[in-house]
N, C-alpha and C. Protein backbone atom coordinates (compact mmCIF):
# COMPACT_ATOMS: atom_id res chain seq x y z
N MET A 1 1.83 -10.09 13.52
CA MET A 1 0.81 -10.70 14.31
C MET A 1 -0.26 -11.25 13.37
N ALA A 2 -0.66 -12.48 13.56
CA ALA A 2 -1.72 -13.07 12.74
C ALA A 2 -3.06 -12.50 13.14
N ALA A 3 -3.91 -12.26 12.17
CA ALA A 3 -5.24 -11.70 12.42
C ALA A 3 -6.29 -12.58 11.76
N ALA A 4 -7.55 -12.32 12.06
CA ALA A 4 -8.65 -13.06 11.47
C ALA A 4 -8.59 -12.96 9.95
N GLY A 5 -9.03 -13.99 9.27
CA GLY A 5 -9.07 -13.98 7.81
C GLY A 5 -7.75 -14.39 7.17
N GLY A 6 -6.79 -14.90 7.97
CA GLY A 6 -5.52 -15.33 7.42
C GLY A 6 -4.56 -14.20 7.12
N HIS A 7 -4.84 -13.02 7.64
CA HIS A 7 -3.98 -11.86 7.42
C HIS A 7 -2.77 -11.89 8.35
N ILE A 8 -1.72 -11.17 7.97
CA ILE A 8 -0.58 -10.91 8.84
C ILE A 8 -0.43 -9.40 8.92
N GLY A 9 -0.40 -8.88 10.12
CA GLY A 9 -0.27 -7.44 10.30
C GLY A 9 0.98 -7.11 11.10
N LEU A 10 1.81 -6.23 10.57
CA LEU A 10 2.98 -5.72 11.28
C LEU A 10 2.64 -4.31 11.75
N GLY A 11 2.33 -4.17 13.02
CA GLY A 11 1.95 -2.88 13.56
C GLY A 11 0.48 -2.54 13.36
N THR A 12 -0.28 -3.48 12.81
CA THR A 12 -1.72 -3.26 12.62
C THR A 12 -2.44 -4.60 12.70
N THR A 13 -3.69 -4.55 13.14
CA THR A 13 -4.52 -5.75 13.15
C THR A 13 -5.85 -5.50 12.46
N SER A 14 -5.98 -4.34 11.80
CA SER A 14 -7.29 -4.03 11.23
C SER A 14 -7.26 -3.40 9.83
N GLN A 15 -6.12 -3.08 9.29
CA GLN A 15 -6.08 -2.39 8.00
C GLN A 15 -5.57 -3.32 6.90
N PHE A 16 -6.51 -4.02 6.26
CA PHE A 16 -6.14 -5.00 5.25
C PHE A 16 -6.76 -4.70 3.89
N GLY A 17 -7.34 -3.53 3.72
CA GLY A 17 -7.87 -3.12 2.42
C GLY A 17 -8.93 -4.03 1.85
N ALA A 18 -9.70 -4.69 2.72
CA ALA A 18 -10.77 -5.60 2.31
C ALA A 18 -10.23 -6.81 1.54
N GLY A 19 -8.92 -7.09 1.69
CA GLY A 19 -8.34 -8.27 1.04
C GLY A 19 -8.49 -9.51 1.89
N GLN A 20 -8.06 -10.63 1.36
CA GLN A 20 -8.07 -11.90 2.08
C GLN A 20 -6.68 -12.50 2.05
N GLY A 21 -6.14 -12.86 3.22
CA GLY A 21 -4.82 -13.47 3.29
C GLY A 21 -3.71 -12.53 2.88
N VAL A 22 -3.78 -11.27 3.30
CA VAL A 22 -2.78 -10.27 2.90
C VAL A 22 -1.85 -9.94 4.06
N VAL A 23 -0.74 -9.30 3.73
CA VAL A 23 0.21 -8.80 4.72
C VAL A 23 0.09 -7.28 4.74
N ALA A 24 -0.12 -6.71 5.91
CA ALA A 24 -0.22 -5.26 6.05
C ALA A 24 0.90 -4.76 6.96
N ILE A 25 1.50 -3.66 6.58
CA ILE A 25 2.58 -3.06 7.38
C ILE A 25 2.18 -1.62 7.68
N ALA A 26 2.10 -1.30 8.95
CA ALA A 26 1.75 0.06 9.36
C ALA A 26 2.92 1.01 9.09
N ASN A 27 2.61 2.30 8.98
CA ASN A 27 3.67 3.31 8.88
C ASN A 27 4.57 3.22 10.10
N ALA A 28 5.86 3.40 9.90
CA ALA A 28 6.79 3.44 11.03
C ALA A 28 6.50 4.67 11.88
N SER A 29 6.50 4.50 13.19
CA SER A 29 6.27 5.66 14.06
C SER A 29 7.48 6.59 14.02
N ALA A 30 8.64 6.05 13.70
CA ALA A 30 9.86 6.84 13.48
C ALA A 30 10.71 6.10 12.46
N ALA A 31 11.05 6.78 11.38
CA ALA A 31 11.91 6.16 10.36
C ALA A 31 13.30 5.94 10.95
N PRO A 32 14.03 4.91 10.50
CA PRO A 32 15.38 4.67 11.00
C PRO A 32 16.26 5.90 10.77
N SER A 33 17.04 6.26 11.77
CA SER A 33 17.89 7.45 11.66
C SER A 33 19.35 7.10 11.37
N VAL A 34 19.71 5.83 11.49
CA VAL A 34 21.07 5.38 11.18
C VAL A 34 20.97 4.15 10.28
N TYR A 35 22.03 3.88 9.55
CA TYR A 35 22.06 2.72 8.68
C TYR A 35 22.48 1.50 9.48
N PRO A 36 21.90 0.33 9.20
CA PRO A 36 22.31 -0.88 9.89
C PRO A 36 23.74 -1.23 9.51
N ALA A 37 24.47 -1.81 10.43
CA ALA A 37 25.88 -2.17 10.17
C ALA A 37 26.00 -3.27 9.13
N ASP A 38 25.03 -4.19 9.09
CA ASP A 38 25.10 -5.32 8.18
C ASP A 38 23.69 -5.70 7.80
N GLY A 39 23.33 -5.57 6.55
CA GLY A 39 21.97 -5.90 6.12
C GLY A 39 21.18 -4.67 5.77
N GLY A 40 19.90 -4.68 6.08
CA GLY A 40 19.05 -3.56 5.75
C GLY A 40 17.80 -3.55 6.59
N VAL A 41 17.02 -2.49 6.44
CA VAL A 41 15.79 -2.30 7.19
C VAL A 41 14.67 -2.00 6.20
N LEU A 42 13.55 -2.70 6.33
CA LEU A 42 12.36 -2.43 5.54
C LEU A 42 11.36 -1.71 6.43
N PHE A 43 10.73 -0.65 5.89
CA PHE A 43 9.71 0.06 6.66
C PHE A 43 8.77 0.79 5.73
N VAL A 44 7.67 1.28 6.29
CA VAL A 44 6.68 2.04 5.53
C VAL A 44 6.62 3.44 6.10
N LYS A 45 6.67 4.44 5.20
CA LYS A 45 6.57 5.84 5.60
C LYS A 45 5.56 6.51 4.68
N ASP A 46 4.54 7.11 5.26
CA ASP A 46 3.47 7.76 4.48
C ASP A 46 2.90 6.82 3.42
N GLY A 47 2.82 5.54 3.74
CA GLY A 47 2.25 4.56 2.82
C GLY A 47 3.20 4.01 1.79
N ALA A 48 4.44 4.51 1.72
CA ALA A 48 5.43 4.03 0.75
C ALA A 48 6.33 2.98 1.40
N PHE A 49 6.68 1.93 0.65
CA PHE A 49 7.54 0.85 1.12
C PHE A 49 8.99 1.24 0.85
N ILE A 50 9.82 1.26 1.89
CA ILE A 50 11.19 1.77 1.77
C ILE A 50 12.19 0.76 2.35
N TYR A 51 13.32 0.65 1.67
CA TYR A 51 14.44 -0.18 2.14
C TYR A 51 15.63 0.74 2.40
N ARG A 52 16.24 0.59 3.57
CA ARG A 52 17.45 1.35 3.90
C ARG A 52 18.58 0.35 4.10
N GLY A 53 19.60 0.43 3.24
CA GLY A 53 20.70 -0.53 3.27
C GLY A 53 21.89 -0.06 4.08
N ALA A 54 22.81 -1.00 4.32
CA ALA A 54 23.98 -0.75 5.15
C ALA A 54 24.96 0.27 4.55
N LYS A 55 24.96 0.39 3.23
CA LYS A 55 25.93 1.31 2.59
C LYS A 55 25.35 2.68 2.32
N GLY A 56 24.20 2.99 2.90
CA GLY A 56 23.63 4.33 2.74
C GLY A 56 22.57 4.45 1.68
N THR A 57 22.22 3.34 1.05
CA THR A 57 21.17 3.41 0.03
C THR A 57 19.80 3.48 0.66
N VAL A 58 18.94 4.29 0.09
CA VAL A 58 17.53 4.33 0.48
C VAL A 58 16.74 4.14 -0.80
N THR A 59 15.96 3.05 -0.85
CA THR A 59 15.21 2.71 -2.03
C THR A 59 13.73 2.70 -1.72
N ARG A 60 12.98 3.52 -2.44
CA ARG A 60 11.53 3.54 -2.31
C ARG A 60 11.01 2.60 -3.39
N SER A 61 10.58 1.40 -2.99
CA SER A 61 10.19 0.40 -3.98
C SER A 61 8.72 0.46 -4.34
N ALA A 62 7.91 1.06 -3.53
CA ALA A 62 6.47 1.17 -3.84
C ALA A 62 5.96 2.50 -3.32
N PRO A 63 5.91 3.52 -4.19
CA PRO A 63 5.40 4.80 -3.74
C PRO A 63 3.93 4.71 -3.32
N ALA A 64 3.54 5.58 -2.43
CA ALA A 64 2.15 5.57 -1.94
C ALA A 64 1.21 6.07 -3.00
C-alpha cells in the first residue's frame, strides 16, 4: 500500500524508520507452514527478512 512520503508499506502504513521513499514490511502474523509448490515466499519474522523456497530451503537474508 502506498503511503505519504513516497513510502510503500506491506502490512504497515506507519513504520518507516524516519526514512524517505522506503519499503517497509511488517512481521508476518503467521509464518508459512508449508513450502510453495513452485517459487518461494518472502516474509519478515521478528524483524528478520526470510525466504522460504520450494525445495525446503529457508534463508534468513537479513537478521534483525
